[in-house]
Amino acid sequence: MITVKVTYTVKPGFVTKNKENIRRFLADFQKMDTSAFWYHVSVMEDGVSFQHLSAYRDEKIQQEVLNVPSFKAFQLERDASGLNGSHTVQLLEFVGASSEILHPEQPV
């Protein structure tokens, strides 16, 4: 399993637009096979910092998710808004969860 944490801070005037863009790509993600990945976005206490947590069964589904057009558009607009070096990406080692978050790949 691949788990990733992304954090960044946007300018106060971009928060509403960023949330709209997030809702748009999450709606598109929900049309996919969500048994193969999990994606969660939160806004931190300061109201301008965002945290994206994701888990993918494998690299194939990760690439499918990361190449959804609305997600790519979100990234472009977010980056163009001026992140001032606040963007970080961390690969995490999955240890466990309170429930099964991804279903194992089904044999064909």
PDB file of N, CA and C in Angstrom:
ATOM      1  N   MET A   1       0.850  -1.170   0.000  1.00  0.00           N
ATOM      2  CA  MET A   1       0.000   0.000   0.000  1.00  0.00           C
ATOM      3  C   MET A   1       0.895   1.233   0.000  1.00  0.00           C
ATOM      4  N   ILE A   2       0.453   2.256  -0.704  1.00  0.00           N
ATOM      5  CA  ILE A   2       1.159   3.528  -0.772  1.00  0.00           C
ATOM      6  C   ILE A   2       0.339   4.540   0.015  1.00  0.00           C
ATOM      7  N   THR A   3       0.949   5.189   0.999  1.00  0.00           N
ATOM      8  CA  THR A   3       0.255   6.230   1.753  1.00  0.00           C
ATOM      9  C   THR A   3       1.045   7.525   1.640  1.00  0.00           C
ATOM     10  N   VAL A   4       0.303   8.628   1.464  1.00  0.00           N
ATOM     11  CA  VAL A   4       0.919   9.922   1.192  1.00  0.00           C
ATOM     12  C   VAL A   4       0.227  11.006   2.005  1.00  0.00           C
ATOM     13  N   LYS A   5       1.031  11.944   2.499  1.00  0.00           N
ATOM     14  CA  LYS A   5       0.512  13.128   3.200  1.00  0.00           C
ATOM     15  C   LYS A   5       1.047  14.360   2.468  1.00  0.00           C
ATOM     16  N   VAL A   6       0.135  15.232   2.058  1.00  0.00           N
ATOM     17  CA  VAL A   6       0.506  16.478   1.388  1.00  0.00           C
ATOM     18  C   VAL A   6      -0.046  17.631   2.217  1.00  0.00           C
ATOM     19  N   THR A   7       0.799  18.608   2.498  1.00  0.00           N
ATOM     20  CA  THR A   7       0.342  19.806   3.208  1.00  0.00           C
ATOM     21  C   THR A   7       0.803  21.038   2.438  1.00  0.00           C
ATOM     22  N   TYR A   8       0.011  22.087   2.537  1.00  0.00           N
ATOM     23  CA  TYR A   8       0.340  23.359   1.901  1.00  0.00           C
ATOM     24  C   TYR A   8      -0.532  24.445   2.497  1.00  0.00           C
ATOM     25  N   THR A   9      -0.111  25.678   2.308  1.00  0.00           N
ATOM     26  CA  THR A   9      -0.849  26.838   2.796  1.00  0.00           C
ATOM     27  C   THR A   9      -1.156  27.749   1.616  1.00  0.00           C
ATOM     28  N   VAL A  10      -2.423  28.170   1.526  1.00  0.00           N
ATOM     29  CA  VAL A  10      -2.834  29.093   0.470  1.00  0.00           C
ATOM     30  C   VAL A  10      -3.065  30.479   1.070  1.00  0.00           C
ATOM     31  N   LYS A  11      -3.156  31.457   0.215  1.00  0.00           N
ATOM     32  CA  LYS A  11      -3.461  32.808   0.663  1.00  0.00           C
ATOM     33  C   LYS A  11      -4.926  32.857   1.095  1.00  0.00           C
ATOM     34  N   PRO A  12      -5.264  33.680   2.098  1.00  0.00           N
ATOM     35  CA  PRO A  12      -6.648  33.737   2.591  1.00  0.00           C
ATOM     36  C   PRO A  12      -7.691  33.942   1.492  1.00  0.00           C
ATOM     37  N   GLY A  13      -7.376  34.728   0.493  1.00  0.00           N
ATOM     38  CA  GLY A  13      -8.330  34.982  -0.583  1.00  0.00           C
ATOM     39  C   GLY A  13      -8.557  33.812  -1.511  1.00  0.00           C
ATOM     40  N   PHE A  14      -7.742  32.772  -1.396  1.00  0.00           N
ATOM     41  CA  PHE A  14      -7.861  31.602  -2.274  1.00  0.00           C
ATOM     42  C   PHE A  14      -8.532  30.412  -1.589  1.00  0.00           C
ATOM     43  N   VAL A  15      -8.825  30.514  -0.309  1.00  0.00           N
ATOM     44  CA  VAL A  15      -9.373  29.378   0.445  1.00  0.00           C
ATOM     45  C   VAL A  15     -10.675  28.865  -0.157  1.00  0.00           C
ATOM     46  N   THR A  16     -11.623  29.756  -0.419  1.00  0.00           N
ATOM     47  CA  THR A  16     -12.927  29.335  -0.950  1.00  0.00           C
ATOM     48  C   THR A  16     -12.775  28.651  -2.294  1.00  0.00           C
ATOM     49  N   LYS A  17     -11.967  29.207  -3.187  1.00  0.00           N
ATOM     50  CA  LYS A  17     -11.750  28.608  -4.510  1.00  0.00           C
ATOM     51  C   LYS A  17     -11.052  27.262  -4.373  1.00  0.00           C
ATOM     52  N   ASN A  18     -10.098  27.146  -3.464  1.00  0.00           N
ATOM     53  CA  ASN A  18      -9.408  25.875  -3.258  1.00  0.00           C
ATOM     54  C   ASN A  18     -10.388  24.798  -2.791  1.00  0.00           C
ATOM     55  N   LYS A  19     -11.281  25.168  -1.870  1.00  0.00           N
ATOM     56  CA  LYS A  19     -12.286  24.202  -1.399  1.00  0.00           C
ATOM     57  C   LYS A  19     -13.213  23.779  -2.538  1.00  0.00           C
ATOM     58  N   GLU A  20     -13.607  24.716  -3.402  1.00  0.00           N
ATOM     59  CA  GLU A  20     -14.448  24.372  -4.558  1.00  0.00           C
ATOM     60  C   GLU A  20     -13.728  23.380  -5.469  1.00  0.00           C
ATOM     61  N   ASN A  21     -12.447  23.656  -5.746  1.00  0.00           N
ATOM     62  CA  ASN A  21     -11.671  22.762  -6.604  1.00  0.00           C
ATOM     63  C   ASN A  21     -11.512  21.381  -5.982  1.00  0.00           C
ATOM     64  N   ILE A  22     -11.328  21.333  -4.659  1.00  0.00           N
ATOM     65  CA  ILE A  22     -11.223  20.049  -3.956  1.00  0.00           C
ATOM     66  C   ILE A  22     -12.537  19.278  -4.074  1.00  0.00           C
ATOM     67  N   ARG A  23     -13.650  19.950  -3.837  1.00  0.00           N
ATOM     68  CA  ARG A  23     -14.956  19.272  -3.939  1.00  0.00           C
ATOM     69  C   ARG A  23     -15.172  18.714  -5.347  1.00  0.00           C
ATOM     70  N   ARG A  24     -14.692  19.448  -6.351  1.00  0.00           N
ATOM     71  CA  ARG A  24     -14.851  19.014  -7.742  1.00  0.00           C
ATOM     72  C   ARG A  24     -14.070  17.720  -7.984  1.00  0.00           C
ATOM     73  N   PHE A  25     -12.787  17.678  -7.589  1.00  0.00           N
ATOM     74  CA  PHE A  25     -12.045  16.448  -7.873  1.00  0.00           C
ATOM     75  C   PHE A  25     -12.506  15.300  -6.982  1.00  0.00           C
ATOM     76  N   LEU A  26     -12.947  15.584  -5.752  1.00  0.00           N
ATOM     77  CA  LEU A  26     -13.458  14.503  -4.902  1.00  0.00           C
ATOM     78  C   LEU A  26     -14.727  13.889  -5.498  1.00  0.00           C
ATOM     79  N   ALA A  27     -15.569  14.713  -6.114  1.00  0.00           N
ATOM     80  CA  ALA A  27     -16.772  14.192  -6.777  1.00  0.00           C
ATOM     81  C   ALA A  27     -16.372  13.258  -7.922  1.00  0.00           C
ATOM     82  N   ASP A  28     -15.332  13.617  -8.649  1.00  0.00           N
ATOM     83  CA  ASP A  28     -14.850  12.740  -9.719  1.00  0.00           C
ATOM     84  C   ASP A  28     -14.212  11.475  -9.150  1.00  0.00           C
ATOM     85  N   PHE A  29     -13.496  11.594  -8.035  1.00  0.00           N
ATOM     86  CA  PHE A  29     -12.908  10.413  -7.399  1.00  0.00           C
ATOM     87  C   PHE A  29     -14.008   9.428  -6.986  1.00  0.00           C
ATOM     88  N   GLN A  30     -15.140   9.937  -6.527  1.00  0.00           N
ATOM     89  CA  GLN A  30     -16.223   9.067  -6.070  1.00  0.00           C
ATOM     90  C   GLN A  30     -16.821   8.240  -7.203  1.00  0.00           C
ATOM     91  N   LYS A  31     -16.562   8.607  -8.436  1.00  0.00           N
ATOM     92  CA  LYS A  31     -17.043   7.855  -9.606  1.00  0.00           C
ATOM     93  C   LYS A  31     -16.091   6.707  -9.956  1.00  0.00           C
ATOM     94  N   MET A  32     -14.968   6.647  -9.255  1.00  0.00           N
ATOM     95  CA  MET A  32     -13.955   5.626  -9.525  1.00  0.00           C
ATOM     96  C   MET A  32     -14.139   4.430  -8.581  1.00  0.00           C
ATOM     97  N   ASP A  33     -13.270   3.447  -8.712  1.00  0.00           N
ATOM     98  CA  ASP A  33     -13.290   2.274  -7.831  1.00  0.00           C
ATOM     99  C   ASP A  33     -12.670   2.658  -6.487  1.00  0.00           C
ATOM    100  N   THR A  34     -13.490   3.142  -5.576  1.00  0.00           N
ATOM    101  CA  THR A  34     -12.980   3.624  -4.293  1.00  0.00           C
ATOM    102  C   THR A  34     -12.582   2.493  -3.343  1.00  0.00           C
ATOM    103  N   SER A  35     -12.749   1.258  -3.762  1.00  0.00           N
ATOM    104  CA  SER A  35     -12.233   0.160  -2.938  1.00  0.00           C
ATOM    105  C   SER A  35     -10.718   0.031  -3.112  1.00  0.00           C
ATOM    106  N   ALA A  36     -10.152   0.740  -4.104  1.00  0.00           N
ATOM    107  CA  ALA A  36      -8.727   0.635  -4.397  1.00  0.00           C
ATOM    108  C   ALA A  36      -7.917   1.823  -3.869  1.00  0.00           C
ATOM    109  N   PHE A  37      -8.592   2.851  -3.365  1.00  0.00           N
ATOM    110  CA  PHE A  37      -7.878   4.000  -2.808  1.00  0.00           C
ATOM    111  C   PHE A  37      -8.776   4.736  -1.829  1.00  0.00           C
ATOM    112  N   TRP A  38      -8.140   5.576  -1.018  1.00  0.00           N
ATOM    113  CA  TRP A  38      -8.826   6.402  -0.026  1.00  0.00           C
ATOM    114  C   TRP A  38      -8.196   7.779  -0.087  1.00  0.00           C
ATOM    115  N   TYR A  39      -9.027   8.839  -0.069  1.00  0.00           N
ATOM    116  CA  TYR A  39      -8.501  10.202  -0.164  1.00  0.00           C
ATOM    117  C   TYR A  39      -9.291  11.085   0.791  1.00  0.00           C
ATOM    118  N   HIS A  40      -8.580  11.843   1.598  1.00  0.00           N
ATOM    119  CA  HIS A  40      -9.210  12.676   2.623  1.00  0.00           C
ATOM    120  C   HIS A  40      -8.514  14.038   2.633  1.00  0.00           C
ATOM    121  N   VAL A  41      -9.309  15.118   2.710  1.00  0.00           N
ATOM    122  CA  VAL A  41      -8.746  16.467   2.771  1.00  0.00           C
ATOM    123  C   VAL A  41      -9.313  17.188   3.985  1.00  0.00           C
ATOM    124  N   SER A  42      -8.442  17.884   4.713  1.00  0.00           N
ATOM    125  CA  SER A  42      -8.855  18.686   5.869  1.00  0.00           C
ATOM    126  C   SER A  42      -8.204  20.061   5.786  1.00  0.00           C
ATOM    127  N   VAL A  43      -8.870  21.031   6.409  1.00  0.00           N
ATOM    128  CA  VAL A  43      -8.277  22.353   6.590  1.00  0.00           C
ATOM    129  C   VAL A  43      -7.829  22.421   8.041  1.00  0.00           C
ATOM    130  N   MET A  44      -6.626  22.909   8.249  1.00  0.00           N
ATOM    131  CA  MET A  44      -6.086  22.991   9.606  1.00  0.00           C
ATOM    132  C   MET A  44      -6.664  24.186  10.354  1.00  0.00           C
ATOM    133  N   GLU A  45      -6.362  24.271  11.641  1.00  0.00           N
ATOM    134  CA  GLU A  45      -6.912  25.311  12.520  1.00  0.00           C
ATOM    135  C   GLU A  45      -6.726  26.731  12.015  1.00  0.00           C
ATOM    136  N   ASP A  46      -5.637  26.982  11.322  1.00  0.00           N
ATOM    137  CA  ASP A  46      -5.367  28.350  10.860  1.00  0.00           C
ATOM    138  C   ASP A  46      -6.301  28.791   9.733  1.00  0.00           C
ATOM    139  N   GLY A  47      -7.053  27.844   9.151  1.00  0.00           N
ATOM    140  CA  GLY A  47      -8.027  28.165   8.115  1.00  0.00           C
ATOM    141  C   GLY A  47      -7.455  28.328   6.716  1.00  0.00           C
ATOM    142  N   VAL A  48      -6.134  28.289   6.575  1.00  0.00           N
ATOM    143  CA  VAL A  48      -5.517  28.466   5.259  1.00  0.00           C
ATOM    144  C   VAL A  48      -4.564  27.327   4.880  1.00  0.00           C
ATOM    145  N   SER A  49      -4.306  26.428   5.819  1.00  0.00           N
ATOM    146  CA  SER A  49      -3.425  25.292   5.549  1.00  0.00           C
ATOM    147  C   SER A  49      -4.286  24.052   5.331  1.00  0.00           C
ATOM    148  N   PHE A  50      -3.935  23.303   4.291  1.00  0.00           N
ATOM    149  CA  PHE A  50      -4.689  22.110   3.916  1.00  0.00           C
ATOM    150  C   PHE A  50      -3.808  20.883   4.075  1.00  0.00           C
ATOM    151  N   GLN A  51      -4.454  19.773   4.413  1.00  0.00           N
ATOM    152  CA  GLN A  51      -3.759  18.495   4.524  1.00  0.00           C
ATOM    153  C   GLN A  51      -4.541  17.463   3.722  1.00  0.00           C
ATOM    154  N   HIS A  52      -3.851  16.806   2.798  1.00  0.00           N
ATOM    155  CA  HIS A  52      -4.437  15.729   2.004  1.00  0.00           C
ATOM    156  C   HIS A  52      -3.772  14.431   2.460  1.00  0.00           C
ATOM    157  N   LEU A  53      -4.565  13.455   2.850  1.00  0.00           N
ATOM    158  CA  LEU A  53      -4.066  12.125   3.194  1.00  0.00           C
ATOM    159  C   LEU A  53      -4.639  11.148   2.187  1.00  0.00           C
ATOM    160  N   SER A  54      -3.793  10.294   1.649  1.00  0.00           N
ATOM    161  CA  SER A  54      -4.290   9.332   0.664  1.00  0.00           C
ATOM    162  C   SER A  54      -3.607   7.992   0.841  1.00  0.00           C
ATOM    163  N   ALA A  55      -4.317   6.963   0.442  1.00  0.00           N
ATOM    164  CA  ALA A  55      -3.784   5.600   0.464  1.00  0.00           C
ATOM    165  C   ALA A  55      -4.225   4.922  -0.821  1.00  0.00           C
ATOM    166  N   TYR A  56      -3.294   4.220  -1.426  1.00  0.00           N
ATOM    167  CA  TYR A  56      -3.544   3.561  -2.709  1.00  0.00           C
ATOM    168  C   TYR A  56      -3.134   2.107  -2.610  1.00  0.00           C
ATOM    169  N   ARG A  57      -3.934   1.235  -3.187  1.00  0.00           N
ATOM    170  CA  ARG A  57      -3.619  -0.195  -3.175  1.00  0.00           C
ATOM    171  C   ARG A  57      -2.282  -0.453  -3.863  1.00  0.00           C
ATOM    172  N   ASP A  58      -2.023   0.248  -4.975  1.00  0.00           N
ATOM    173  CA  ASP A  58      -0.788   0.047  -5.727  1.00  0.00           C
ATOM    174  C   ASP A  58      -0.516   1.266  -6.608  1.00  0.00           C
ATOM    175  N   GLU A  59       0.616   1.243  -7.309  1.00  0.00           N
ATOM    176  CA  GLU A  59       1.000   2.377  -8.153  1.00  0.00           C
ATOM    177  C   GLU A  59       0.027   2.603  -9.302  1.00  0.00           C
ATOM    178  N   LYS A  60      -0.568   1.541  -9.813  1.00  0.00           N
ATOM    179  CA  LYS A  60      -1.502   1.671 -10.941  1.00  0.00           C
ATOM    180  C   LYS A  60      -2.686   2.553 -10.551  1.00  0.00           C
ATOM    181  N   ILE A  61      -3.331   2.278  -9.423  1.00  0.00           N
ATOM    182  CA  ILE A  61      -4.477   3.095  -9.017  1.00  0.00           C
ATOM    183  C   ILE A  61      -4.021   4.489  -8.614  1.00  0.00           C
ATOM    184  N   GLN A  62      -2.841   4.608  -8.023  1.00  0.00           N
ATOM    185  CA  GLN A  62      -2.333   5.926  -7.664  1.00  0.00           C
ATOM    186  C   GLN A  62      -2.211   6.791  -8.921  1.00  0.00           C
ATOM    187  N   GLN A  63      -1.659   6.241  -9.987  1.00  0.00           N
ATOM    188  CA  GLN A  63      -1.504   7.004 -11.221  1.00  0.00           C
ATOM    189  C   GLN A  63      -2.856   7.344 -11.845  1.00  0.00           C
ATOM    190  N   GLU A  64      -3.813   6.428 -11.768  1.00  0.00           N
ATOM    191  CA  GLU A  64      -5.161   6.712 -12.278  1.00  0.00           C
ATOM    192  C   GLU A  64      -5.770   7.905 -11.535  1.00  0.00           C
ATOM    193  N   VAL A  65      -5.649   7.885 -10.216  1.00  0.00           N
ATOM    194  CA  VAL A  65      -6.211   8.957  -9.390  1.00  0.00           C
ATOM    195  C   VAL A  65      -5.506  10.283  -9.683  1.00  0.00           C
ATOM    196  N   LEU A  66      -4.191  10.273  -9.698  1.00  0.00           N
ATOM    197  CA  LEU A  66      -3.435  11.507  -9.878  1.00  0.00           C
ATOM    198  C   LEU A  66      -3.587  12.109 -11.270  1.00  0.00           C
ATOM    199  N   ASN A  67      -4.097  11.325 -12.214  1.00  0.00           N
ATOM    200  CA  ASN A  67      -4.281  11.828 -13.572  1.00  0.00           C
ATOM    201  C   ASN A  67      -5.723  12.181 -13.920  1.00  0.00           C
ATOM    202  N   VAL A  68      -6.611  12.197 -12.934  1.00  0.00           N
ATOM    203  CA  VAL A  68      -7.988  12.652 -13.171  1.00  0.00           C
ATOM    204  C   VAL A  68      -7.916  14.134 -13.565  1.00  0.00           C
ATOM    205  N   PRO A  69      -8.534  14.526 -14.677  1.00  0.00           N
ATOM    206  CA  PRO A  69      -8.423  15.908 -15.155  1.00  0.00           C
ATOM    207  C   PRO A  69      -8.766  16.978 -14.116  1.00  0.00           C
ATOM    208  N   SER A  70      -9.813  16.783 -13.327  1.00  0.00           N
ATOM    209  CA  SER A  70     -10.179  17.793 -12.327  1.00  0.00           C
ATOM    210  C   SER A  70      -9.132  17.890 -11.217  1.00  0.00           C
ATOM    211  N   PHE A  71      -8.434  16.789 -10.930  1.00  0.00           N
ATOM    212  CA  PHE A  71      -7.372  16.823  -9.928  1.00  0.00           C
ATOM    213  C   PHE A  71      -6.160  17.572 -10.475  1.00  0.00           C
ATOM    214  N   LYS A  72      -5.817  17.300 -11.729  1.00  0.00           N
ATOM    215  CA  LYS A  72      -4.701  18.009 -12.345  1.00  0.00           C
ATOM    216  C   LYS A  72      -4.989  19.508 -12.430  1.00  0.00           C
ATOM    217  N   ALA A  73      -6.240  19.879 -12.757  1.00  0.00           N
ATOM    218  CA  ALA A  73      -6.622  21.296 -12.815  1.00  0.00           C
ATOM    219  C   ALA A  73      -6.528  21.930 -11.431  1.00  0.00           C
ATOM    220  N   PHE A  74      -6.978  21.195 -10.392  1.00  0.00           N
ATOM    221  CA  PHE A  74      -6.856  21.670  -9.016  1.00  0.00           C
ATOM    222  C   PHE A  74      -5.399  21.975  -8.685  1.00  0.00           C
ATOM    223  N   GLN A  75      -4.496  21.048  -9.010  1.00  0.00           N
ATOM    224  CA  GLN A  75      -3.075  21.231  -8.701  1.00  0.00           C
ATOM    225  C   GLN A  75      -2.499  22.464  -9.393  1.00  0.00           C
ATOM    226  N   LEU A  76      -2.827  22.634 -10.665  1.00  0.00           N
ATOM    227  CA  LEU A  76      -2.323  23.786 -11.415  1.00  0.00           C
ATOM    228  C   LEU A  76      -2.792  25.097 -10.796  1.00  0.00           C
ATOM    229  N   GLU A  77      -4.087  25.166 -10.486  1.00  0.00           N
ATOM    230  CA  GLU A  77      -4.631  26.404  -9.916  1.00  0.00           C
ATOM    231  C   GLU A  77      -4.096  26.652  -8.512  1.00  0.00           C
ATOM    232  N   ARG A  78      -3.982  25.596  -7.718  1.00  0.00           N
ATOM    233  CA  ARG A  78      -3.427  25.726  -6.377  1.00  0.00           C
ATOM    234  C   ARG A  78      -1.995  26.243  -6.437  1.00  0.00           C
ATOM    235  N   ASP A  79      -1.185  25.639  -7.284  1.00  0.00           N
ATOM    236  CA  ASP A  79       0.216  26.042  -7.380  1.00  0.00           C
ATOM    237  C   ASP A  79       0.357  27.474  -7.889  1.00  0.00           C
ATOM    238  N   ALA A  80      -0.504  27.864  -8.825  1.00  0.00           N
ATOM    239  CA  ALA A  80      -0.448  29.217  -9.386  1.00  0.00           C
ATOM    240  C   ALA A  80      -0.904  30.275  -8.377  1.00  0.00           C
ATOM    241  N   SER A  81      -1.601  29.847  -7.327  1.00  0.00           N
ATOM    242  CA  SER A  81      -2.126  30.802  -6.335  1.00  0.00           C
ATOM    243  C   SER A  81      -1.023  31.377  -5.454  1.00  0.00           C
ATOM    244  N   GLY A  82       0.149  30.751  -5.453  1.00  0.00           N
ATOM    245  CA  GLY A  82       1.272  31.242  -4.651  1.00  0.00           C
ATOM    246  C   GLY A  82       1.377  30.559  -3.303  1.00  0.00           C
ATOM    247  N   LEU A  83       2.055  29.424  -3.267  1.00  0.00           N
ATOM    248  CA  LEU A  83       2.165  28.631  -2.035  1.00  0.00           C
ATOM    249  C   LEU A  83       3.362  29.032  -1.173  1.00  0.00           C
ATOM    250  N   ASN A  84       4.229  29.872  -1.683  1.00  0.00           N
ATOM    251  CA  ASN A  84       5.368  30.379  -0.913  1.00  0.00           C
ATOM    252  C   ASN A  84       6.212  29.272  -0.279  1.00  0.00           C
ATOM    253  N   GLY A  85       6.447  28.204  -1.006  1.00  0.00           N
ATOM    254  CA  GLY A  85       7.303  27.128  -0.497  1.00  0.00           C
ATOM    255  C   GLY A  85       6.676  26.265   0.585  1.00  0.00           C
ATOM    256  N   SER A  86       5.373  26.390   0.805  1.00  0.00           N
ATOM    257  CA  SER A  86       4.727  25.645   1.895  1.00  0.00           C
ATOM    258  C   SER A  86       4.329  24.226   1.498  1.00  0.00           C
ATOM    259  N   HIS A  87       4.452  23.857   0.232  1.00  0.00           N
ATOM    260  CA  HIS A  87       3.992  22.562  -0.270  1.00  0.00           C
ATOM    261  C   HIS A  87       4.967  21.459   0.129  1.00  0.00           C
ATOM    262  N   THR A  88       4.480  20.458   0.872  1.00  0.00           N
ATOM    263  CA  THR A  88       5.304  19.301   1.222  1.00  0.00           C
ATOM    264  C   THR A  88       4.566  18.012   0.887  1.00  0.00           C
ATOM    265  N   VAL A  89       5.313  17.027   0.452  1.00  0.00           N
ATOM    266  CA  VAL A  89       4.774  15.701   0.147  1.00  0.00           C
ATOM    267  C   VAL A  89       5.591  14.704   0.956  1.00  0.00           C
ATOM    268  N   GLN A  90       4.903  13.868   1.732  1.00  0.00           N
ATOM    269  CA  GLN A  90       5.583  12.852   2.535  1.00  0.00           C
ATOM    270  C   GLN A  90       5.003  11.482   2.223  1.00  0.00           C
ATOM    271  N   LEU A  91       5.877  10.523   1.946  1.00  0.00           N
ATOM    272  CA  LEU A  91       5.459   9.128   1.825  1.00  0.00           C
ATOM    273  C   LEU A  91       5.472   8.550   3.227  1.00  0.00           C
ATOM    274  N   LEU A  92       4.402   7.897   3.614  1.00  0.00           N
ATOM    275  CA  LEU A  92       4.260   7.359   4.957  1.00  0.00           C
ATOM    276  C   LEU A  92       4.280   5.838   4.928  1.00  0.00           C
ATOM    277  N   GLU A  93       4.732   5.249   6.002  1.00  0.00           N
ATOM    278  CA  GLU A  93       4.684   3.792   6.136  1.00  0.00           C
ATOM    279  C   GLU A  93       3.395   3.426   6.860  1.00  0.00           C
ATOM    280  N   PHE A  94       2.512   2.714   6.172  1.00  0.00           N
ATOM    281  CA  PHE A  94       1.242   2.309   6.763  1.00  0.00           C
ATOM    282  C   PHE A  94       1.493   1.254   7.840  1.00  0.00           C
ATOM    283  N   VAL A  95       0.930   1.475   9.022  1.00  0.00           N
ATOM    284  CA  VAL A  95       1.084   0.534  10.127  1.00  0.00           C
ATOM    285  C   VAL A  95      -0.221  -0.200  10.385  1.00  0.00           C
ATOM    286  N   GLY A  96      -1.349   0.504  10.376  1.00  0.00           N
ATOM    287  CA  GLY A  96      -2.634  -0.127  10.631  1.00  0.00           C
ATOM    288  C   GLY A  96      -3.753   0.894  10.673  1.00  0.00           C
ATOM    289  N   ALA A  97      -4.977   0.404  10.784  1.00  0.00           N
ATOM    290  CA  ALA A  97      -6.165   1.261  10.823  1.00  0.00           C
ATOM    291  C   ALA A  97      -7.235   0.582  11.665  1.00  0.00           C
ATOM    292  N   SER A  98      -8.202   1.366  12.106  1.00  0.00           N
ATOM    293  CA  SER A  98      -9.284   0.822  12.931  1.00  0.00           C
ATOM    294  C   SER A  98     -10.274   0.001  12.111  1.00  0.00           C
ATOM    295  N   SER A  99     -10.232   0.164  10.793  1.00  0.00           N
ATOM    296  CA  SER A  99     -11.071  -0.627   9.901  1.00  0.00           C
ATOM    297  C   SER A  99     -10.331  -0.819   8.593  1.00  0.00           C
ATOM    298  N   GLU A 100     -10.799  -1.768   7.802  1.00  0.00           N
ATOM    299  CA  GLU A 100     -10.170  -2.007   6.510  1.00  0.00           C
ATOM    300  C   GLU A 100     -10.454  -0.819   5.607  1.00  0.00           C
ATOM    301  N   ILE A 101      -9.401  -0.173   5.097  1.00  0.00           N
ATOM    302  CA  ILE A 101      -9.645   0.997   4.274  1.00  0.00           C
ATOM    303  C   ILE A 101      -9.538   0.691   2.790  1.00  0.00           C
ATOM    304  N   LEU A 102      -8.872  -0.378   2.431  1.00  0.00           N
ATOM    305  CA  LEU A 102      -8.771  -0.782   1.033  1.00  0.00           C
ATOM    306  C   LEU A 102      -9.036  -2.271   0.937  1.00  0.00           C
ATOM    307  N   HIS A 103      -9.743  -2.629  -0.114  1.00  0.00           N
ATOM    308  CA  HIS A 103     -10.013  -4.037  -0.329  1.00  0.00           C
ATOM    309  C   HIS A 103      -8.888  -4.647  -1.161  1.00  0.00           C
ATOM    310  N   PRO A 104      -8.466  -5.841  -0.822  1.00  0.00           N
ATOM    311  CA  PRO A 104      -7.410  -6.478  -1.616  1.00  0.00           C
ATOM    312  C   PRO A 104      -7.884  -6.658  -3.057  1.00  0.00           C
ATOM    313  N   GLU A 105      -6.921  -6.660  -3.948  1.00  0.00           N
ATOM    314  CA  GLU A 105      -7.266  -6.821  -5.363  1.00  0.00           C
ATOM    315  C   GLU A 105      -7.950  -8.163  -5.555  1.00  0.00           C
ATOM    316  N   GLN A 106      -9.042  -8.134  -6.308  1.00  0.00           N
ATOM    317  CA  GLN A 106      -9.800  -9.361  -6.570  1.00  0.00           C
ATOM    318  C   GLN A 106      -9.173 -10.116  -7.743  1.00  0.00           C
ATOM    319  N   PRO A 107      -9.003 -11.415  -7.617  1.00  0.00           N
ATOM    320  CA  PRO A 107      -8.458 -12.183  -8.757  1.00  0.00           C
ATOM    321  C   PRO A 107      -9.451 -12.175  -9.917  1.00  0.00           C
ATOM    322  N   VAL A 108      -8.919 -12.207 -11.121  1.00  0.00           N
ATOM    323  CA  VAL A 108      -9.772 -12.212 -12.307  1.00  0.00           C
ATOM    324  C   VAL A 108     -10.091 -13.601 -12.761  1.00  0.00           C
TER     325      VAL A 108
END
